[in-house]
Amino acid sequence: MRVLVIGSGDTVRDDLAQVDRSDFDLVIGVNAAALEFGPVDVHVSLHPEKYAEVKAAYMVANRPYKGVDAHMQSRWFMDGDSGSSGLFAVKYAIQKRGATYVLLAGVPMDVAPHFNRPEDWEAAKIFQKTWLRVLPQIKGTVFSLSGWTAELLNGLDQPNVAGVSR
């Protein structure tokens, strides 16, 4: 299964301009990006209190909440954090939907603004540690169109990402 994950990074518009959504079996929107850049098949969030009432699609969260359709553990390791809502979407795609290929659009994990917030996202530095820790489990399955995650996941042996028009 081929999955597109749309995040809230400031690169999301440029990233989506490169993507043909018809190349994917499932589109997952994360947080506000699910509302802004739909349609999506699944809306994933670690913040159901913000999105469950206005969800864009079937909602998956890290805990039960009114309006949430399914929930699952967000942490990859019990002694760690979630690594961000974007990494939670990756976990859902792989573990619950059987994704064999995941492409990230708008999930750069940089200390930069989100598309809907002008301030730098300092938490990226903390979450990057979890991405590094989970790298052996996702490398070769998950690719990114921008930022720190593109450098981390794509590598020199993967110059062209499938599902992207160049």
N, C-alpha and C. Protein backbone atom coordinates (compact mmCIF):
# COMPACT_ATOMS: atom_id res chain seq x y z
N MET A 1 0.84 -1.18 0.00
CA MET A 1 0.00 0.00 0.00
C MET A 1 0.88 1.24 0.00
N ARG A 2 0.56 2.18 -0.86
CA ARG A 2 1.29 3.45 -0.99
C ARG A 2 0.49 4.56 -0.29
N VAL A 3 1.16 5.26 0.62
CA VAL A 3 0.48 6.26 1.45
C VAL A 3 1.17 7.61 1.33
N LEU A 4 0.37 8.65 1.19
CA LEU A 4 0.84 10.03 1.23
C LEU A 4 0.44 10.61 2.58
N VAL A 5 1.41 11.18 3.30
CA VAL A 5 1.14 11.86 4.57
C VAL A 5 1.36 13.34 4.35
N ILE A 6 0.32 14.13 4.66
CA ILE A 6 0.39 15.58 4.49
C ILE A 6 0.48 16.22 5.87
N GLY A 7 1.59 16.92 6.12
CA GLY A 7 1.81 17.57 7.39
C GLY A 7 1.66 19.08 7.30
N SER A 8 1.93 19.74 8.40
CA SER A 8 1.69 21.18 8.54
C SER A 8 2.93 22.04 8.39
N GLY A 9 4.03 21.48 7.95
CA GLY A 9 5.25 22.26 7.79
C GLY A 9 5.09 23.36 6.75
N ASP A 10 5.96 24.35 6.83
CA ASP A 10 5.86 25.49 5.91
C ASP A 10 6.17 25.11 4.47
N THR A 11 6.64 23.90 4.23
CA THR A 11 6.95 23.41 2.89
C THR A 11 5.78 22.71 2.22
N VAL A 12 4.67 22.58 2.91
CA VAL A 12 3.58 21.71 2.45
C VAL A 12 3.05 22.09 1.06
N ARG A 13 2.87 23.35 0.79
CA ARG A 13 2.33 23.76 -0.51
C ARG A 13 3.28 23.39 -1.65
N ASP A 14 4.56 23.69 -1.47
CA ASP A 14 5.55 23.34 -2.50
C ASP A 14 5.65 21.83 -2.66
N ASP A 15 5.61 21.11 -1.56
CA ASP A 15 5.70 19.66 -1.62
C ASP A 15 4.50 19.08 -2.38
N LEU A 16 3.31 19.52 -2.04
CA LEU A 16 2.11 18.99 -2.69
C LEU A 16 2.06 19.33 -4.18
N ALA A 17 2.68 20.42 -4.57
CA ALA A 17 2.71 20.80 -5.99
C ALA A 17 3.49 19.77 -6.82
N GLN A 18 4.31 18.96 -6.16
CA GLN A 18 5.12 17.95 -6.84
C GLN A 18 4.44 16.57 -6.90
N VAL A 19 3.30 16.44 -6.23
CA VAL A 19 2.70 15.12 -6.01
C VAL A 19 1.47 14.90 -6.88
N ASP A 20 1.35 13.70 -7.39
CA ASP A 20 0.13 13.25 -8.05
C ASP A 20 -0.57 12.33 -7.07
N ARG A 21 -1.64 12.81 -6.46
CA ARG A 21 -2.34 12.04 -5.43
C ARG A 21 -2.88 10.71 -5.94
N SER A 22 -3.12 10.62 -7.23
CA SER A 22 -3.66 9.37 -7.77
C SER A 22 -2.64 8.23 -7.71
N ASP A 23 -1.39 8.54 -7.42
CA ASP A 23 -0.36 7.52 -7.26
C ASP A 23 -0.43 6.82 -5.91
N PHE A 24 -1.34 7.26 -5.04
CA PHE A 24 -1.39 6.74 -3.67
C PHE A 24 -2.71 6.04 -3.40
N ASP A 25 -2.62 4.99 -2.59
CA ASP A 25 -3.81 4.24 -2.19
C ASP A 25 -4.54 4.90 -1.04
N LEU A 26 -3.83 5.70 -0.25
CA LEU A 26 -4.38 6.32 0.95
C LEU A 26 -3.69 7.66 1.17
N VAL A 27 -4.49 8.67 1.54
CA VAL A 27 -3.94 9.98 1.89
C VAL A 27 -4.29 10.26 3.34
N ILE A 28 -3.26 10.53 4.13
CA ILE A 28 -3.43 10.86 5.54
C ILE A 28 -3.09 12.32 5.73
N GLY A 29 -3.99 13.05 6.36
CA GLY A 29 -3.74 14.45 6.71
C GLY A 29 -3.48 14.54 8.20
N VAL A 30 -2.51 15.36 8.57
CA VAL A 30 -2.11 15.52 9.96
C VAL A 30 -2.58 16.88 10.48
N ASN A 31 -3.26 16.86 11.62
CA ASN A 31 -3.68 18.08 12.30
C ASN A 31 -4.39 19.05 11.34
N ALA A 32 -3.99 20.33 11.35
CA ALA A 32 -4.65 21.35 10.53
C ALA A 32 -4.48 21.10 9.03
N ALA A 33 -3.42 20.40 8.65
CA ALA A 33 -3.19 20.12 7.23
C ALA A 33 -4.31 19.26 6.65
N ALA A 34 -4.90 18.40 7.46
CA ALA A 34 -6.01 17.57 6.99
C ALA A 34 -7.19 18.43 6.58
N LEU A 35 -7.40 19.51 7.28
CA LEU A 35 -8.51 20.42 6.97
C LEU A 35 -8.20 21.32 5.78
N GLU A 36 -6.98 21.76 5.70
CA GLU A 36 -6.58 22.73 4.68
C GLU A 36 -6.25 22.12 3.33
N PHE A 37 -5.71 20.92 3.32
CA PHE A 37 -5.18 20.34 2.08
C PHE A 37 -5.87 19.04 1.70
N GLY A 38 -7.15 18.94 2.02
CA GLY A 38 -7.93 17.75 1.67
C GLY A 38 -8.24 17.72 0.19
N PRO A 39 -8.95 16.69 -0.22
CA PRO A 39 -9.53 15.67 0.65
C PRO A 39 -8.48 14.68 1.13
N VAL A 40 -8.72 14.12 2.32
CA VAL A 40 -7.88 13.08 2.88
C VAL A 40 -8.77 11.89 3.23
N ASP A 41 -8.17 10.73 3.34
CA ASP A 41 -8.90 9.53 3.72
C ASP A 41 -8.92 9.34 5.24
N VAL A 42 -7.83 9.78 5.88
CA VAL A 42 -7.68 9.63 7.33
C VAL A 42 -7.11 10.93 7.88
N HIS A 43 -7.64 11.34 9.02
CA HIS A 43 -7.17 12.53 9.74
C HIS A 43 -6.48 12.02 11.01
N VAL A 44 -5.19 12.26 11.14
CA VAL A 44 -4.41 11.77 12.29
C VAL A 44 -3.98 12.96 13.14
N SER A 45 -4.07 12.78 14.47
CA SER A 45 -3.67 13.87 15.35
C SER A 45 -3.33 13.36 16.74
N LEU A 46 -2.36 14.00 17.35
CA LEU A 46 -2.07 13.82 18.76
C LEU A 46 -2.85 14.84 19.59
N HIS A 47 -3.69 15.62 18.93
CA HIS A 47 -4.45 16.69 19.58
C HIS A 47 -5.93 16.56 19.26
N PRO A 48 -6.58 15.47 19.65
CA PRO A 48 -7.99 15.29 19.30
C PRO A 48 -8.90 16.38 19.86
N GLU A 49 -8.50 17.00 20.95
CA GLU A 49 -9.31 18.08 21.52
C GLU A 49 -9.42 19.27 20.58
N LYS A 50 -8.47 19.43 19.68
CA LYS A 50 -8.49 20.53 18.71
C LYS A 50 -9.23 20.16 17.41
N TYR A 51 -9.18 18.87 17.03
CA TYR A 51 -9.63 18.49 15.70
C TYR A 51 -10.81 17.54 15.61
N ALA A 52 -11.16 16.84 16.68
CA ALA A 52 -12.21 15.82 16.59
C ALA A 52 -13.55 16.40 16.18
N GLU A 53 -13.87 17.60 16.62
CA GLU A 53 -15.17 18.19 16.26
C GLU A 53 -15.22 18.68 14.83
N VAL A 54 -14.08 18.95 14.23
CA VAL A 54 -14.03 19.48 12.87
C VAL A 54 -13.27 18.55 11.92
N LYS A 55 -13.11 17.31 12.31
CA LYS A 55 -12.27 16.36 11.58
C LYS A 55 -12.61 16.33 10.09
N ALA A 56 -11.56 16.09 9.30
CA ALA A 56 -11.69 16.08 7.85
C ALA A 56 -12.07 14.72 7.30
N ALA A 57 -11.90 13.67 8.11
CA ALA A 57 -12.14 12.29 7.66
C ALA A 57 -12.13 11.39 8.89
N TYR A 58 -12.11 10.10 8.64
CA TYR A 58 -11.96 9.11 9.71
C TYR A 58 -10.80 9.55 10.58
N MET A 59 -11.02 9.70 11.89
CA MET A 59 -9.98 10.26 12.75
C MET A 59 -9.31 9.21 13.61
N VAL A 60 -7.98 9.26 13.60
CA VAL A 60 -7.15 8.40 14.44
C VAL A 60 -6.35 9.30 15.38
N ALA A 61 -6.41 9.00 16.66
CA ALA A 61 -5.69 9.79 17.66
C ALA A 61 -4.95 8.85 18.61
N ASN A 62 -4.24 9.44 19.52
CA ASN A 62 -3.45 8.67 20.48
C ASN A 62 -4.24 8.30 21.74
N ARG A 63 -5.51 8.71 21.79
CA ARG A 63 -6.33 8.39 22.95
C ARG A 63 -7.80 8.50 22.57
N PRO A 64 -8.66 7.85 23.32
CA PRO A 64 -10.09 7.99 23.06
C PRO A 64 -10.52 9.44 23.31
N TYR A 65 -11.43 9.90 22.49
CA TYR A 65 -11.96 11.25 22.65
C TYR A 65 -13.23 11.31 21.82
N LYS A 66 -14.19 12.08 22.24
CA LYS A 66 -15.44 12.19 21.49
C LYS A 66 -15.15 12.65 20.06
N GLY A 67 -15.62 11.87 19.09
CA GLY A 67 -15.39 12.17 17.68
C GLY A 67 -14.22 11.42 17.07
N VAL A 68 -13.38 10.80 17.90
CA VAL A 68 -12.26 10.01 17.41
C VAL A 68 -12.79 8.64 17.02
N ASP A 69 -12.44 8.17 15.82
CA ASP A 69 -12.92 6.89 15.32
C ASP A 69 -12.07 5.71 15.76
N ALA A 70 -10.78 5.94 15.93
CA ALA A 70 -9.87 4.88 16.38
C ALA A 70 -8.70 5.54 17.11
N HIS A 71 -8.12 4.81 18.02
CA HIS A 71 -6.94 5.32 18.70
C HIS A 71 -5.90 4.21 18.84
N MET A 72 -4.65 4.64 18.95
CA MET A 72 -3.55 3.70 19.10
C MET A 72 -2.41 4.40 19.83
N GLN A 73 -1.50 3.63 20.34
CA GLN A 73 -0.32 4.15 21.03
C GLN A 73 0.51 4.97 20.03
N SER A 74 0.88 6.18 20.41
CA SER A 74 1.63 7.04 19.50
C SER A 74 3.13 6.83 19.60
N ARG A 75 3.59 6.35 20.72
CA ARG A 75 5.03 6.20 20.92
C ARG A 75 5.54 4.91 20.29
N TRP A 76 6.67 5.00 19.63
CA TRP A 76 7.30 3.83 19.03
C TRP A 76 8.03 3.03 20.11
N PHE A 77 8.51 3.72 21.15
CA PHE A 77 9.23 3.10 22.25
C PHE A 77 8.59 3.59 23.55
N MET A 78 8.40 2.70 24.48
CA MET A 78 7.72 3.08 25.72
C MET A 78 8.51 4.11 26.52
N ASP A 79 9.81 4.18 26.32
CA ASP A 79 10.61 5.16 27.06
C ASP A 79 10.87 6.42 26.23
N GLY A 80 10.06 6.66 25.21
CA GLY A 80 10.28 7.82 24.36
C GLY A 80 9.02 8.62 24.15
N ASP A 81 9.10 9.59 23.23
CA ASP A 81 7.93 10.39 22.89
C ASP A 81 7.40 9.97 21.52
N SER A 82 6.41 10.68 21.05
CA SER A 82 5.75 10.33 19.79
C SER A 82 6.59 10.64 18.56
N GLY A 83 7.48 11.60 18.69
CA GLY A 83 8.26 12.04 17.54
C GLY A 83 7.51 13.01 16.65
N SER A 84 6.31 13.44 17.06
CA SER A 84 5.47 14.39 16.36
C SER A 84 4.23 13.70 15.79
N SER A 85 3.23 14.50 15.45
CA SER A 85 2.02 13.95 14.83
C SER A 85 2.35 13.35 13.47
N GLY A 86 3.34 13.90 12.78
CA GLY A 86 3.75 13.35 11.49
C GLY A 86 4.30 11.94 11.62
N LEU A 87 5.12 11.70 12.63
CA LEU A 87 5.65 10.35 12.84
C LEU A 87 4.56 9.41 13.34
N PHE A 88 3.60 9.94 14.07
CA PHE A 88 2.45 9.14 14.48
C PHE A 88 1.67 8.69 13.23
N ALA A 89 1.52 9.58 12.25
CA ALA A 89 0.85 9.22 11.00
C ALA A 89 1.61 8.12 10.27
N VAL A 90 2.93 8.18 10.30
CA VAL A 90 3.77 7.14 9.69
C VAL A 90 3.53 5.82 10.40
N LYS A 91 3.51 5.86 11.72
CA LYS A 91 3.29 4.64 12.51
C LYS A 91 1.93 4.02 12.16
N TYR A 92 0.90 4.85 12.09
CA TYR A 92 -0.42 4.34 11.72
C TYR A 92 -0.39 3.73 10.31
N ALA A 93 0.23 4.41 9.38
CA ALA A 93 0.28 3.92 7.99
C ALA A 93 0.94 2.56 7.91
N ILE A 94 2.05 2.40 8.60
CA ILE A 94 2.80 1.15 8.52
C ILE A 94 2.15 0.05 9.36
N GLN A 95 1.85 0.36 10.61
CA GLN A 95 1.39 -0.69 11.53
C GLN A 95 -0.08 -1.06 11.37
N LYS A 96 -0.92 -0.10 11.02
CA LYS A 96 -2.36 -0.40 10.94
C LYS A 96 -2.86 -0.55 9.51
N ARG A 97 -2.19 0.07 8.55
CA ARG A 97 -2.66 0.00 7.17
C ARG A 97 -1.74 -0.81 6.27
N GLY A 98 -0.64 -1.29 6.79
CA GLY A 98 0.26 -2.13 6.00
C GLY A 98 1.00 -1.40 4.91
N ALA A 99 1.29 -0.13 5.10
CA ALA A 99 1.99 0.65 4.09
C ALA A 99 3.36 0.07 3.79
N THR A 100 3.66 -0.02 2.51
CA THR A 100 4.98 -0.46 2.06
C THR A 100 5.78 0.71 1.49
N TYR A 101 5.11 1.83 1.31
CA TYR A 101 5.75 3.05 0.80
C TYR A 101 4.97 4.24 1.38
N VAL A 102 5.69 5.13 2.06
CA VAL A 102 5.07 6.33 2.64
C VAL A 102 5.86 7.54 2.16
N LEU A 103 5.15 8.51 1.61
CA LEU A 103 5.77 9.76 1.17
C LEU A 103 5.26 10.90 2.04
N LEU A 104 6.18 11.67 2.59
CA LEU A 104 5.86 12.79 3.46
C LEU A 104 5.87 14.10 2.67
N ALA A 105 4.78 14.82 2.73
CA ALA A 105 4.68 16.17 2.14
C ALA A 105 4.37 17.13 3.28
N GLY A 106 5.20 18.12 3.47
CA GLY A 106 4.95 19.07 4.56
C GLY A 106 5.32 18.52 5.93
N VAL A 107 6.27 17.60 5.95
CA VAL A 107 6.77 17.05 7.22
C VAL A 107 8.31 17.18 7.22
N PRO A 108 8.82 18.42 7.14
CA PRO A 108 10.26 18.60 7.08
C PRO A 108 10.96 18.41 8.43
N MET A 109 10.23 18.54 9.52
CA MET A 109 10.77 18.45 10.88
C MET A 109 11.91 19.44 11.12
N ASP A 110 11.79 20.60 10.50
CA ASP A 110 12.75 21.69 10.69
C ASP A 110 12.27 22.64 11.77
N VAL A 111 13.20 23.38 12.35
CA VAL A 111 12.83 24.47 13.25
C VAL A 111 12.44 25.63 12.35
N ALA A 112 11.20 25.63 11.94
CA ALA A 112 10.66 26.62 11.01
C ALA A 112 9.16 26.73 11.30
N PRO A 113 8.51 27.73 10.74
CA PRO A 113 7.07 27.86 10.98
C PRO A 113 6.27 26.71 10.36
N HIS A 114 5.05 26.56 10.83
CA HIS A 114 4.07 25.70 10.17
C HIS A 114 3.36 26.57 9.13
N PHE A 115 2.62 25.97 8.24
CA PHE A 115 1.93 26.76 7.21
C PHE A 115 0.93 27.73 7.84
N ASN A 116 0.45 27.42 9.04
CA ASN A 116 -0.59 28.23 9.68
C ASN A 116 -0.13 28.93 10.95
N ARG A 117 1.17 28.90 11.23
CA ARG A 117 1.72 29.58 12.41
C ARG A 117 3.05 30.22 12.04
N PRO A 118 3.23 31.49 12.31
CA PRO A 118 4.45 32.18 11.86
C PRO A 118 5.70 31.92 12.70
N GLU A 119 5.54 31.44 13.93
CA GLU A 119 6.71 31.27 14.78
C GLU A 119 7.44 29.96 14.48
N ASP A 120 8.75 29.98 14.72
CA ASP A 120 9.55 28.77 14.53
C ASP A 120 9.06 27.67 15.48
N TRP A 121 9.13 26.45 15.02
CA TRP A 121 8.68 25.29 15.80
C TRP A 121 9.90 24.66 16.48
N GLU A 122 10.21 25.15 17.67
CA GLU A 122 11.39 24.72 18.41
C GLU A 122 11.31 23.25 18.82
N ALA A 123 10.11 22.72 18.99
CA ALA A 123 9.94 21.31 19.40
C ALA A 123 10.54 20.34 18.38
N ALA A 124 10.75 20.80 17.16
CA ALA A 124 11.33 19.93 16.13
C ALA A 124 12.64 19.32 16.61
N LYS A 125 13.45 20.09 17.32
CA LYS A 125 14.75 19.60 17.80
C LYS A 125 14.58 18.38 18.71
N ILE A 126 13.57 18.43 19.55
CA ILE A 126 13.31 17.32 20.47
C ILE A 126 12.80 16.11 19.70
N PHE A 127 11.83 16.34 18.80
CA PHE A 127 11.23 15.24 18.05
C PHE A 127 12.20 14.58 17.08
N GLN A 128 13.17 15.33 16.58
CA GLN A 128 14.15 14.74 15.67
C GLN A 128 14.87 13.55 16.30
N LYS A 129 15.07 13.59 17.60
CA LYS A 129 15.74 12.49 18.30
C LYS A 129 14.95 11.19 18.16
N THR A 130 13.62 11.28 18.22
CA THR A 130 12.80 10.08 18.06
C THR A 130 12.86 9.59 16.62
N TRP A 131 12.84 10.50 15.64
CA TRP A 131 12.97 10.10 14.23
C TRP A 131 14.28 9.34 14.02
N LEU A 132 15.36 9.82 14.63
CA LEU A 132 16.64 9.14 14.50
C LEU A 132 16.59 7.74 15.13
N ARG A 133 15.92 7.65 16.24
CA ARG A 133 15.82 6.36 16.94
C ARG A 133 14.98 5.35 16.14
N VAL A 134 13.93 5.82 15.47
CA VAL A 134 13.05 4.92 14.73
C VAL A 134 13.54 4.68 13.29
N LEU A 135 14.57 5.38 12.90
CA LEU A 135 15.09 5.30 11.52
C LEU A 135 15.29 3.86 11.02
N PRO A 136 15.88 2.96 11.80
CA PRO A 136 16.05 1.59 11.29
C PRO A 136 14.73 0.90 10.93
N GLN A 137 13.64 1.31 11.55
CA GLN A 137 12.34 0.69 11.28
C GLN A 137 11.63 1.29 10.07
N ILE A 138 12.01 2.50 9.65
CA ILE A 138 11.28 3.17 8.57
C ILE A 138 12.12 3.42 7.32
N LYS A 139 13.43 3.36 7.44
CA LYS A 139 14.32 3.63 6.30
C LYS A 139 14.02 2.66 5.17
N GLY A 140 13.86 3.18 3.98
CA GLY A 140 13.56 2.35 2.81
C GLY A 140 12.08 2.22 2.54
N THR A 141 11.26 2.63 3.51
CA THR A 141 9.80 2.62 3.36
C THR A 141 9.25 4.04 3.35
N VAL A 142 9.86 4.92 4.13
CA VAL A 142 9.37 6.29 4.28
C VAL A 142 10.36 7.24 3.62
N PHE A 143 9.80 8.17 2.80
CA PHE A 143 10.58 9.17 2.10
C PHE A 143 9.93 10.53 2.30
N SER A 144 10.70 11.59 2.11
CA SER A 144 10.18 12.93 2.35
C SER A 144 10.53 13.86 1.20
N LEU A 145 9.69 14.85 1.01
CA LEU A 145 9.90 15.82 -0.07
C LEU A 145 10.67 17.06 0.36
N SER A 146 10.93 17.23 1.67
CA SER A 146 11.60 18.47 2.07
C SER A 146 12.25 18.37 3.44
N GLY A 147 13.19 19.28 3.63
CA GLY A 147 13.77 19.53 4.95
C GLY A 147 14.63 18.43 5.52
N TRP A 148 14.70 18.46 6.83
CA TRP A 148 15.52 17.53 7.60
C TRP A 148 15.12 16.09 7.33
N THR A 149 13.83 15.81 7.21
CA THR A 149 13.39 14.44 6.96
C THR A 149 13.83 13.95 5.58
N ALA A 150 13.87 14.83 4.60
CA ALA A 150 14.34 14.44 3.26
C ALA A 150 15.81 14.04 3.33
N GLU A 151 16.60 14.82 4.04
CA GLU A 151 18.02 14.49 4.20
C GLU A 151 18.19 13.17 4.95
N LEU A 152 17.38 12.96 5.97
CA LEU A 152 17.48 11.76 6.79
C LEU A 152 17.02 10.52 6.05
N LEU A 153 15.90 10.60 5.36
CA LEU A 153 15.24 9.41 4.81
C LEU A 153 15.60 9.06 3.38
N ASN A 154 15.86 10.05 2.56
CA ASN A 154 16.01 9.77 1.13
C ASN A 154 17.37 9.24 0.75
N GLY A 155 18.40 9.74 1.35
CA GLY A 155 19.74 9.25 1.07
C GLY A 155 20.17 9.48 -0.36
N LEU A 156 21.42 9.26 -0.63
CA LEU A 156 21.97 9.48 -1.96
C LEU A 156 21.52 8.41 -2.95
N ASP A 157 21.12 7.25 -2.44
CA ASP A 157 20.72 6.17 -3.34
C ASP A 157 19.26 6.32 -3.79
N GLN A 158 18.56 7.35 -3.37
CA GLN A 158 17.15 7.53 -3.69
C GLN A 158 16.93 8.96 -4.22
N PRO A 159 17.53 9.33 -5.37
CA PRO A 159 17.42 10.69 -5.83
C PRO A 159 16.01 11.08 -6.30
N ASN A 160 15.26 10.15 -6.87
CA ASN A 160 13.91 10.45 -7.32
C ASN A 160 12.91 9.68 -6.49
N VAL A 161 11.97 10.38 -5.91
CA VAL A 161 10.98 9.75 -5.05
C VAL A 161 9.78 9.38 -5.89
N ALA A 162 9.35 8.12 -5.81
CA ALA A 162 8.22 7.65 -6.59
C ALA A 162 6.94 8.39 -6.21
N GLY A 163 6.14 8.73 -7.19
CA GLY A 163 4.90 9.45 -6.93
C GLY A 163 5.07 10.95 -7.04
N VAL A 164 6.25 11.38 -7.45
CA VAL A 164 6.55 12.80 -7.54
C VAL A 164 6.86 13.15 -8.98
N SER A 165 6.23 14.22 -9.47
CA SER A 165 6.53 14.67 -10.83
C SER A 165 7.70 15.66 -10.74
N ARG A 166 8.70 15.39 -11.48
CA ARG A 166 9.89 16.27 -11.49
C ARG A 166 10.09 16.83 -12.87
